[in-house]
Amino acid sequence: MAKEIRDKVFQDEKCTCDCGNTHELYGGKGYTTIDCEGYSNGQVNGGFYKHTVKCNCCEKEYTLQF
């Protein structure tokens, strides 16, 4: 199983970055998806998900993986 990584940025209700940027729907510059992959084998805890984004304001990269 992959190591779980959960950066806290872009994970609240307004998808907010540490720099204060928010998702476009909330008036911010949003983020760009760098990589997104995943699969499920239909079993409990039997899958993989990884989403890497780059903030369109500060250009830092963040990853959600579990």
PDB file of N, CA and C in Angstrom:
ATOM      1  N   MET A   1       0.842  -1.184   0.000  1.00  0.00           N
ATOM      2  CA  MET A   1       0.000   0.000   0.000  1.00  0.00           C
ATOM      3  C   MET A   1       0.882   1.240   0.000  1.00  0.00           C
ATOM      4  N   ALA A   2       0.466   2.270  -0.709  1.00  0.00           N
ATOM      5  CA  ALA A   2       1.223   3.513  -0.814  1.00  0.00           C
ATOM      6  C   ALA A   2       1.207   4.275   0.502  1.00  0.00           C
ATOM      7  N   LYS A   3       2.263   5.013   0.728  1.00  0.00           N
ATOM      8  CA  LYS A   3       2.338   5.873   1.908  1.00  0.00           C
ATOM      9  C   LYS A   3       1.298   6.977   1.786  1.00  0.00           C
ATOM     10  N   GLU A   4       0.573   7.244   2.861  1.00  0.00           N
ATOM     11  CA  GLU A   4      -0.461   8.264   2.835  1.00  0.00           C
ATOM     12  C   GLU A   4       0.164   9.642   3.004  1.00  0.00           C
ATOM     13  N   ILE A   5      -0.185  10.545   2.107  1.00  0.00           N
ATOM     14  CA  ILE A   5       0.267  11.938   2.170  1.00  0.00           C
ATOM     15  C   ILE A   5      -0.980  12.802   2.060  1.00  0.00           C
ATOM     16  N   ARG A   6      -1.176  13.677   3.003  1.00  0.00           N
ATOM     17  CA  ARG A   6      -2.339  14.565   2.955  1.00  0.00           C
ATOM     18  C   ARG A   6      -1.923  15.973   3.317  1.00  0.00           C
ATOM     19  N   ASP A   7      -1.449  16.726   2.326  1.00  0.00           N
ATOM     20  CA  ASP A   7      -1.206  18.145   2.543  1.00  0.00           C
ATOM     21  C   ASP A   7      -2.545  18.797   2.852  1.00  0.00           C
ATOM     22  N   LYS A   8      -2.557  19.755   3.725  1.00  0.00           N
ATOM     23  CA  LYS A   8      -3.808  20.384   4.135  1.00  0.00           C
ATOM     24  C   LYS A   8      -4.292  21.445   3.154  1.00  0.00           C
ATOM     25  N   VAL A   9      -3.455  21.859   2.215  1.00  0.00           N
ATOM     26  CA  VAL A   9      -3.864  22.901   1.280  1.00  0.00           C
ATOM     27  C   VAL A   9      -4.843  22.361   0.249  1.00  0.00           C
ATOM     28  N   PHE A  10      -5.709  23.232  -0.227  1.00  0.00           N
ATOM     29  CA  PHE A  10      -6.745  22.906  -1.200  1.00  0.00           C
ATOM     30  C   PHE A  10      -7.668  21.792  -0.721  1.00  0.00           C
ATOM     31  N   GLN A  11      -7.832  21.637   0.599  1.00  0.00           N
ATOM     32  CA  GLN A  11      -8.674  20.570   1.128  1.00  0.00           C
ATOM     33  C   GLN A  11      -9.826  21.097   1.995  1.00  0.00           C
ATOM     34  N   ASP A  12      -9.926  22.414   2.141  1.00  0.00           N
ATOM     35  CA  ASP A  12     -11.056  22.949   2.899  1.00  0.00           C
ATOM     36  C   ASP A  12     -12.211  23.253   1.935  1.00  0.00           C
ATOM     37  N   GLU A  13     -13.276  23.834   2.431  1.00  0.00           N
ATOM     38  CA  GLU A  13     -14.460  24.038   1.600  1.00  0.00           C
ATOM     39  C   GLU A  13     -14.245  25.032   0.465  1.00  0.00           C
ATOM     40  N   LYS A  14     -13.250  25.927   0.580  1.00  0.00           N
ATOM     41  CA  LYS A  14     -12.969  26.883  -0.496  1.00  0.00           C
ATOM     42  C   LYS A  14     -11.692  26.545  -1.259  1.00  0.00           C
ATOM     43  N   CYS A  15     -11.119  25.361  -1.008  1.00  0.00           N
ATOM     44  CA  CYS A  15      -9.871  24.938  -1.676  1.00  0.00           C
ATOM     45  C   CYS A  15      -8.799  26.020  -1.527  1.00  0.00           C
ATOM     46  N   THR A  16      -8.411  26.308  -0.290  1.00  0.00           N
ATOM     47  CA  THR A  16      -7.482  27.392   0.003  1.00  0.00           C
ATOM     48  C   THR A  16      -6.045  26.898   0.118  1.00  0.00           C
ATOM     49  N   CYS A  17      -5.115  27.627  -0.515  1.00  0.00           N
ATOM     50  CA  CYS A  17      -3.677  27.357  -0.428  1.00  0.00           C
ATOM     51  C   CYS A  17      -3.111  28.076   0.798  1.00  0.00           C
ATOM     52  N   ASP A  18      -1.930  27.685   1.224  1.00  0.00           N
ATOM     53  CA  ASP A  18      -1.264  28.367   2.342  1.00  0.00           C
ATOM     54  C   ASP A  18      -1.038  29.851   2.050  1.00  0.00           C
ATOM     55  N   CYS A  19      -0.885  30.212   0.770  1.00  0.00           N
ATOM     56  CA  CYS A  19      -0.633  31.607   0.403  1.00  0.00           C
ATOM     57  C   CYS A  19      -1.910  32.450   0.407  1.00  0.00           C
ATOM     58  N   GLY A  20      -3.069  31.810   0.596  1.00  0.00           N
ATOM     59  CA  GLY A  20      -4.345  32.524   0.625  1.00  0.00           C
ATOM     60  C   GLY A  20      -5.140  32.406  -0.669  1.00  0.00           C
ATOM     61  N   ASN A  21      -4.530  31.886  -1.721  1.00  0.00           N
ATOM     62  CA  ASN A  21      -5.226  31.679  -2.980  1.00  0.00           C
ATOM     63  C   ASN A  21      -6.346  30.653  -2.782  1.00  0.00           C
ATOM     64  N   THR A  22      -7.481  30.871  -3.463  1.00  0.00           N
ATOM     65  CA  THR A  22      -8.602  29.936  -3.400  1.00  0.00           C
ATOM     66  C   THR A  22      -8.942  29.429  -4.799  1.00  0.00           C
ATOM     67  N   HIS A  23      -9.841  28.471  -4.859  1.00  0.00           N
ATOM     68  CA  HIS A  23     -10.310  27.919  -6.127  1.00  0.00           C
ATOM     69  C   HIS A  23     -10.986  29.023  -6.946  1.00  0.00           C
ATOM     70  N   GLU A  24     -10.972  28.864  -8.266  1.00  0.00           N
ATOM     71  CA  GLU A  24     -11.585  29.859  -9.150  1.00  0.00           C
ATOM     72  C   GLU A  24     -13.052  30.124  -8.815  1.00  0.00           C
ATOM     73  N   LEU A  25     -13.766  29.092  -8.357  1.00  0.00           N
ATOM     74  CA  LEU A  25     -15.176  29.264  -8.011  1.00  0.00           C
ATOM     75  C   LEU A  25     -15.374  30.254  -6.867  1.00  0.00           C
ATOM     76  N   TYR A  26     -14.315  30.493  -6.085  1.00  0.00           N
ATOM     77  CA  TYR A  26     -14.404  31.411  -4.947  1.00  0.00           C
ATOM     78  C   TYR A  26     -13.615  32.682  -5.197  1.00  0.00           C
ATOM     79  N   GLY A  27     -13.288  32.974  -6.456  1.00  0.00           N
ATOM     80  CA  GLY A  27     -12.635  34.226  -6.804  1.00  0.00           C
ATOM     81  C   GLY A  27     -11.123  34.191  -6.829  1.00  0.00           C
ATOM     82  N   GLY A  28     -10.524  33.032  -6.589  1.00  0.00           N
ATOM     83  CA  GLY A  28      -9.068  32.934  -6.591  1.00  0.00           C
ATOM     84  C   GLY A  28      -8.525  32.530  -7.948  1.00  0.00           C
ATOM     85  N   LYS A  29      -7.221  32.296  -7.986  1.00  0.00           N
ATOM     86  CA  LYS A  29      -6.557  31.871  -9.221  1.00  0.00           C
ATOM     87  C   LYS A  29      -6.553  30.354  -9.375  1.00  0.00           C
ATOM     88  N   GLY A  30      -6.899  29.625  -8.321  1.00  0.00           N
ATOM     89  CA  GLY A  30      -7.017  28.179  -8.383  1.00  0.00           C
ATOM     90  C   GLY A  30      -5.693  27.446  -8.459  1.00  0.00           C
ATOM     91  N   TYR A  31      -5.749  26.225  -8.971  1.00  0.00           N
ATOM     92  CA  TYR A  31      -4.562  25.390  -9.083  1.00  0.00           C
ATOM     93  C   TYR A  31      -4.600  24.631 -10.403  1.00  0.00           C
ATOM     94  N   THR A  32      -3.449  24.075 -10.773  1.00  0.00           N
ATOM     95  CA  THR A  32      -3.328  23.263 -11.976  1.00  0.00           C
ATOM     96  C   THR A  32      -2.964  21.845 -11.559  1.00  0.00           C
ATOM     97  N   THR A  33      -3.668  20.859 -12.087  1.00  0.00           N
ATOM     98  CA  THR A  33      -3.341  19.465 -11.796  1.00  0.00           C
ATOM     99  C   THR A  33      -2.089  19.077 -12.564  1.00  0.00           C
ATOM    100  N   ILE A  34      -1.084  18.594 -11.833  1.00  0.00           N
ATOM    101  CA  ILE A  34       0.170  18.132 -12.414  1.00  0.00           C
ATOM    102  C   ILE A  34       0.077  16.642 -12.735  1.00  0.00           C
ATOM    103  N   ASP A  35      -0.504  15.882 -11.817  1.00  0.00           N
ATOM    104  CA  ASP A  35      -0.618  14.433 -11.978  1.00  0.00           C
ATOM    105  C   ASP A  35      -1.838  13.957 -11.195  1.00  0.00           C
ATOM    106  N   CYS A  36      -2.589  13.051 -11.769  1.00  0.00           N
ATOM    107  CA  CYS A  36      -3.728  12.457 -11.077  1.00  0.00           C
ATOM    108  C   CYS A  36      -3.860  11.024 -11.560  1.00  0.00           C
ATOM    109  N   GLU A  37      -3.778  10.086 -10.628  1.00  0.00           N
ATOM    110  CA  GLU A  37      -3.900   8.681 -10.982  1.00  0.00           C
ATOM    111  C   GLU A  37      -4.540   7.910  -9.839  1.00  0.00           C
ATOM    112  N   GLY A  38      -5.168   6.818 -10.161  1.00  0.00           N
ATOM    113  CA  GLY A  38      -5.765   5.995  -9.130  1.00  0.00           C
ATOM    114  C   GLY A  38      -6.401   4.753  -9.715  1.00  0.00           C
ATOM    115  N   TYR A  39      -6.680   3.810  -8.850  1.00  0.00           N
ATOM    116  CA  TYR A  39      -7.386   2.588  -9.230  1.00  0.00           C
ATOM    117  C   TYR A  39      -8.026   1.981  -7.992  1.00  0.00           C
ATOM    118  N   SER A  40      -8.966   1.114  -8.213  1.00  0.00           N
ATOM    119  CA  SER A  40      -9.601   0.377  -7.132  1.00  0.00           C
ATOM    120  C   SER A  40      -9.762  -1.066  -7.575  1.00  0.00           C
ATOM    121  N   ASN A  41      -9.454  -1.980  -6.667  1.00  0.00           N
ATOM    122  CA  ASN A  41      -9.668  -3.393  -6.993  1.00  0.00           C
ATOM    123  C   ASN A  41     -10.989  -3.900  -6.417  1.00  0.00           C
ATOM    124  N   GLY A  42     -11.809  -2.988  -5.900  1.00  0.00           N
ATOM    125  CA  GLY A  42     -13.123  -3.358  -5.391  1.00  0.00           C
ATOM    126  C   GLY A  42     -13.128  -3.835  -3.948  1.00  0.00           C
ATOM    127  N   GLN A  43     -11.985  -3.867  -3.309  1.00  0.00           N
ATOM    128  CA  GLN A  43     -11.878  -4.319  -1.930  1.00  0.00           C
ATOM    129  C   GLN A  43     -11.705  -3.110  -0.994  1.00  0.00           C
ATOM    130  N   VAL A  44     -12.040  -3.275   0.269  1.00  0.00           N
ATOM    131  CA  VAL A  44     -11.809  -2.234   1.260  1.00  0.00           C
ATOM    132  C   VAL A  44     -10.306  -2.006   1.353  1.00  0.00           C
ATOM    133  N   ASN A  45      -9.875  -0.761   1.302  1.00  0.00           N
ATOM    134  CA  ASN A  45      -8.453  -0.395   1.315  1.00  0.00           C
ATOM    135  C   ASN A  45      -7.689  -1.060   0.170  1.00  0.00           C
ATOM    136  N   GLY A  46      -8.363  -1.348  -0.915  1.00  0.00           N
ATOM    137  CA  GLY A  46      -7.733  -2.044  -2.024  1.00  0.00           C
ATOM    138  C   GLY A  46      -7.501  -1.165  -3.227  1.00  0.00           C
ATOM    139  N   GLY A  47      -7.214   0.095  -2.995  1.00  0.00           N
ATOM    140  CA  GLY A  47      -7.014   1.007  -4.109  1.00  0.00           C
ATOM    141  C   GLY A  47      -5.883   1.973  -3.856  1.00  0.00           C
ATOM    142  N   PHE A  48      -5.744   2.873  -4.779  1.00  0.00           N
ATOM    143  CA  PHE A  48      -4.677   3.862  -4.727  1.00  0.00           C
ATOM    144  C   PHE A  48      -5.186   5.139  -5.378  1.00  0.00           C
ATOM    145  N   TYR A  49      -4.844   6.293  -4.801  1.00  0.00           N
ATOM    146  CA  TYR A  49      -5.211   7.585  -5.372  1.00  0.00           C
ATOM    147  C   TYR A  49      -4.094   8.568  -5.109  1.00  0.00           C
ATOM    148  N   LYS A  50      -3.679   9.298  -6.130  1.00  0.00           N
ATOM    149  CA  LYS A  50      -2.647  10.323  -5.989  1.00  0.00           C
ATOM    150  C   LYS A  50      -3.022  11.506  -6.859  1.00  0.00           C
ATOM    151  N   HIS A  51      -3.073  12.696  -6.262  1.00  0.00           N
ATOM    152  CA  HIS A  51      -3.414  13.925  -6.975  1.00  0.00           C
ATOM    153  C   HIS A  51      -2.384  14.979  -6.590  1.00  0.00           C
ATOM    154  N   THR A  52      -1.596  15.429  -7.562  1.00  0.00           N
ATOM    155  CA  THR A  52      -0.588  16.458  -7.337  1.00  0.00           C
ATOM    156  C   THR A  52      -1.016  17.712  -8.083  1.00  0.00           C
ATOM    157  N   VAL A  53      -1.016  18.842  -7.369  1.00  0.00           N
ATOM    158  CA  VAL A  53      -1.430  20.114  -7.956  1.00  0.00           C
ATOM    159  C   VAL A  53      -0.362  21.168  -7.733  1.00  0.00           C
ATOM    160  N   LYS A  54      -0.416  22.210  -8.559  1.00  0.00           N
ATOM    161  CA  LYS A  54       0.470  23.370  -8.393  1.00  0.00           C
ATOM    162  C   LYS A  54      -0.403  24.605  -8.267  1.00  0.00           C
ATOM    163  N   CYS A  55      -0.177  25.378  -7.221  1.00  0.00           N
ATOM    164  CA  CYS A  55      -0.930  26.610  -6.989  1.00  0.00           C
ATOM    165  C   CYS A  55      -0.642  27.596  -8.124  1.00  0.00           C
ATOM    166  N   ASN A  56      -1.691  28.197  -8.671  1.00  0.00           N
ATOM    167  CA  ASN A  56      -1.526  29.172  -9.748  1.00  0.00           C
ATOM    168  C   ASN A  56      -1.090  30.538  -9.238  1.00  0.00           C
ATOM    169  N   CYS A  57      -0.914  30.681  -7.931  1.00  0.00           N
ATOM    170  CA  CYS A  57      -0.486  31.953  -7.356  1.00  0.00           C
ATOM    171  C   CYS A  57       0.975  31.865  -6.877  1.00  0.00           C
ATOM    172  N   CYS A  58       1.261  30.960  -5.953  1.00  0.00           N
ATOM    173  CA  CYS A  58       2.620  30.854  -5.394  1.00  0.00           C
ATOM    174  C   CYS A  58       3.461  29.770  -6.076  1.00  0.00           C
ATOM    175  N   GLU A  59       2.837  28.943  -6.927  1.00  0.00           N
ATOM    176  CA  GLU A  59       3.482  27.884  -7.705  1.00  0.00           C
ATOM    177  C   GLU A  59       4.085  26.750  -6.885  1.00  0.00           C
ATOM    178  N   LYS A  60       3.697  26.615  -5.606  1.00  0.00           N
ATOM    179  CA  LYS A  60       4.125  25.465  -4.813  1.00  0.00           C
ATOM    180  C   LYS A  60       3.301  24.254  -5.209  1.00  0.00           C
ATOM    181  N   GLU A  61       3.917  23.062  -5.128  1.00  0.00           N
ATOM    182  CA  GLU A  61       3.224  21.824  -5.454  1.00  0.00           C
ATOM    183  C   GLU A  61       2.799  21.100  -4.186  1.00  0.00           C
ATOM    184  N   TYR A  62       1.610  20.496  -4.237  1.00  0.00           N
ATOM    185  CA  TYR A  62       1.057  19.768  -3.109  1.00  0.00           C
ATOM    186  C   TYR A  62       0.489  18.442  -3.596  1.00  0.00           C
ATOM    187  N   THR A  63       0.527  17.416  -2.718  1.00  0.00           N
ATOM    188  CA  THR A  63       0.061  16.088  -3.102  1.00  0.00           C
ATOM    189  C   THR A  63      -0.931  15.538  -2.079  1.00  0.00           C
ATOM    190  N   LEU A  64      -1.979  14.929  -2.608  1.00  0.00           N
ATOM    191  CA  LEU A  64      -2.911  14.130  -1.803  1.00  0.00           C
ATOM    192  C   LEU A  64      -2.759  12.713  -2.301  1.00  0.00           C
ATOM    193  N   GLN A  65      -2.381  11.812  -1.404  1.00  0.00           N
ATOM    194  CA  GLN A  65      -2.181  10.416  -1.801  1.00  0.00           C
ATOM    195  C   GLN A  65      -2.632   9.500  -0.677  1.00  0.00           C
ATOM    196  N   PHE A  66      -3.403   8.492  -1.036  1.00  0.00           N
ATOM    197  CA  PHE A  66      -3.793   7.465  -0.074  1.00  0.00           C
ATOM    198  C   PHE A  66      -4.170   6.213  -0.795  1.00  0.00           C
TER     199      PHE A  66
END
